[in-house]
C-alpha atoms as a PDB file:
ATOM      1  CA  MET A   1       3.310   0.531 -23.740  1.00  0.00           C
ATOM      2  CA  THR A   2       2.545   0.597 -20.026  1.00  0.00           C
ATOM      3  CA  GLU A   3       3.379  -2.199 -17.976  1.00  0.00           C
ATOM      4  CA  ILE A   4       0.669  -3.479 -15.735  1.00  0.00           C
ATOM      5  CA  ILE A   5       1.850  -4.899 -12.403  1.00  0.00           C
ATOM      6  CA  ARG A   6      -0.562  -7.402 -10.921  1.00  0.00           C
ATOM      7  CA  ALA A   7      -0.062  -7.378  -7.173  1.00  0.00           C
ATOM      8  CA  ASP A   8       0.823 -10.749  -5.180  1.00  0.00           C
ATOM      9  CA  ASP A   9      -1.546  -9.707  -2.396  1.00  0.00           C
ATOM     10  CA  SER A  10      -4.122  -7.126  -1.373  1.00  0.00           C
ATOM     11  CA  PHE A  11      -5.407  -5.551   1.444  1.00  0.00           C
ATOM     12  CA  ALA A  12      -8.192  -3.025   2.049  1.00  0.00           C
ATOM     13  CA  THR A  13      -9.416  -1.082   5.132  1.00  0.00           C
ATOM     14  CA  ASN A  14     -11.869   1.555   5.934  1.00  0.00           C
ATOM     15  CA  LEU A  15      -9.919   2.390   9.264  1.00  0.00           C
ATOM     16  CA  GLU A  16      -7.870   5.257   9.636  1.00  0.00           C
ATOM     17  CA  ILE A  17      -4.311   4.722   9.128  1.00  0.00           C
ATOM     18  CA  CYS A  18      -2.952   4.177  12.690  1.00  0.00           C
ATOM     19  CA  PHE A  19      -0.421   2.033  14.583  1.00  0.00           C
ATOM     20  CA  GLU A  20      -2.824  -1.100  14.407  1.00  0.00           C
ATOM     21  CA  VAL A  21      -3.338  -0.832  10.454  1.00  0.00           C
ATOM     22  CA  LEU A  22       0.594  -0.079   9.845  1.00  0.00           C
ATOM     23  CA  LEU A  23       1.431  -3.256  11.955  1.00  0.00           C
ATOM     24  CA  TYR A  24      -0.773  -5.508  10.090  1.00  0.00           C
ATOM     25  CA  LEU A  25       0.477  -3.845   6.817  1.00  0.00           C
ATOM     26  CA  ALA A  26       3.851  -4.659   7.816  1.00  0.00           C
ATOM     27  CA  SER A  27       3.070  -8.464   8.335  1.00  0.00           C
ATOM     28  CA  ARG A  28       1.532  -8.813   4.964  1.00  0.00           C
ATOM     29  CA  MET A  29       4.562  -7.478   3.391  1.00  0.00           C
ATOM     30  CA  ALA A  30       6.818  -9.548   5.596  1.00  0.00           C
ATOM     31  CA  ALA A  31       4.907 -12.544   4.302  1.00  0.00           C
ATOM     32  CA  LEU A  32       5.989 -11.366   0.803  1.00  0.00           C
ATOM     33  CA  HIS A  33       9.232 -12.612  -1.259  1.00  0.00           C
ATOM     34  CA  THR A  34      11.541  -9.707  -2.338  1.00  0.00           C
ATOM     35  CA  GLY A  35      10.131  -8.288  -5.619  1.00  0.00           C
ATOM     36  CA  GLN A  36       6.469  -9.118  -4.794  1.00  0.00           C
ATOM     37  CA  SER A  37       4.045  -6.465  -4.557  1.00  0.00           C
ATOM     38  CA  LEU A  38       1.013  -5.842  -2.298  1.00  0.00           C
ATOM     39  CA  GLU A  39      -1.884  -3.515  -3.239  1.00  0.00           C
ATOM     40  CA  PHE A  40      -3.218  -1.437  -0.201  1.00  0.00           C
ATOM     41  CA  ILE A  41      -6.634   0.272  -0.533  1.00  0.00           C
ATOM     42  CA  THR A  42      -7.746   2.951   2.209  1.00  0.00           C
ATOM     43  CA  SER A  43     -10.441   5.149   2.770  1.00  0.00           C
ATOM     44  CA  ASP A  44      -8.293   7.484   5.187  1.00  0.00           C
ATOM     45  CA  PRO A  45      -7.787  10.786   3.226  1.00  0.00           C
ATOM     46  CA  GLU A  46      -4.456  11.437   4.888  1.00  0.00           C
ATOM     47  CA  ALA A  47      -3.010   8.361   3.540  1.00  0.00           C
ATOM     48  CA  GLY A  48      -1.354   9.945   0.834  1.00  0.00           C
ATOM     49  CA  ASP A  49       0.920  11.693   3.130  1.00  0.00           C
ATOM     50  CA  LYS A  50       1.246   8.884   5.710  1.00  0.00           C
ATOM     51  CA  ILE A  51       1.997   5.581   3.258  1.00  0.00           C
ATOM     52  CA  PRO A  52       4.771   7.290   1.192  1.00  0.00           C
ATOM     53  CA  THR A  53       6.513   7.985   4.207  1.00  0.00           C
ATOM     54  CA  TRP A  54       6.299   4.603   5.784  1.00  0.00           C
ATOM     55  CA  VAL A  55       6.999   2.750   2.471  1.00  0.00           C
ATOM     56  CA  GLU A  56      10.246   4.968   2.215  1.00  0.00           C
ATOM     57  CA  THR A  57      11.082   4.420   5.941  1.00  0.00           C
ATOM     58  CA  ARG A  58      10.793   0.468   5.242  1.00  0.00           C
ATOM     59  CA  GLU A  59      12.833   0.908   2.105  1.00  0.00           C
ATOM     60  CA  PHE A  60      10.134  -0.563   0.040  1.00  0.00           C
ATOM     61  CA  ALA A  61       9.077   0.767  -3.483  1.00  0.00           C
ATOM     62  CA  LEU A  62       5.847   2.785  -3.869  1.00  0.00           C
ATOM     63  CA  LEU A  63       5.186   1.638  -7.543  1.00  0.00           C
ATOM     64  CA  GLU A  64       1.711   3.457  -8.008  1.00  0.00           C
ATOM     65  CA  HIS A  65      -0.510   5.657  -5.879  1.00  0.00           C
ATOM     66  CA  GLU A  66      -4.037   6.426  -7.484  1.00  0.00           C
ATOM     67  CA  THR A  67      -7.371   7.916  -6.294  1.00  0.00           C
ATOM     68  CA  LEU A  68     -10.250   5.485  -6.981  1.00  0.00           C
ATOM     69  CA  PRO A  69     -13.610   6.708  -8.553  1.00  0.00           C
ATOM     70  CA  ASP A  70     -15.198   5.902  -4.879  1.00  0.00           C
ATOM     71  CA  GLY A  71     -12.551   8.358  -3.487  1.00  0.00           C
ATOM     72  CA  ARG A  72     -10.365   5.776  -1.799  1.00  0.00           C
ATOM     73  CA  GLN A  73      -6.787   5.706  -2.376  1.00  0.00           C
ATOM     74  CA  ARG A  74      -5.031   2.719  -3.785  1.00  0.00           C
ATOM     75  CA  PHE A  75      -1.144   1.990  -3.449  1.00  0.00           C
ATOM     76  CA  LEU A  76       0.950  -0.449  -4.820  1.00  0.00           C
ATOM     77  CA  ILE A  77       4.185  -1.172  -3.157  1.00  0.00           C
ATOM     78  CA  ARG A  78       7.192  -3.833  -3.822  1.00  0.00           C
ATOM     79  CA  LYS A  79       9.045  -5.392  -1.157  1.00  0.00           C
END
């Protein structure tokens, strides 16, 4: 059976992944307790490369990454 992980917070943007978006994403992650997760949804087609690298450098865990039916990408990140 697949475990369903519910996000403790969610953030969606149609902006390209840039410094400001990553800074805001970092502030949302900082507000979480260790073990909590954030759902991040973006329309940036390059997010599949950018977000996993960002997650790894901050020593978070990328729990899920999928492309949604509308083409946006969804990431579930655990602090």
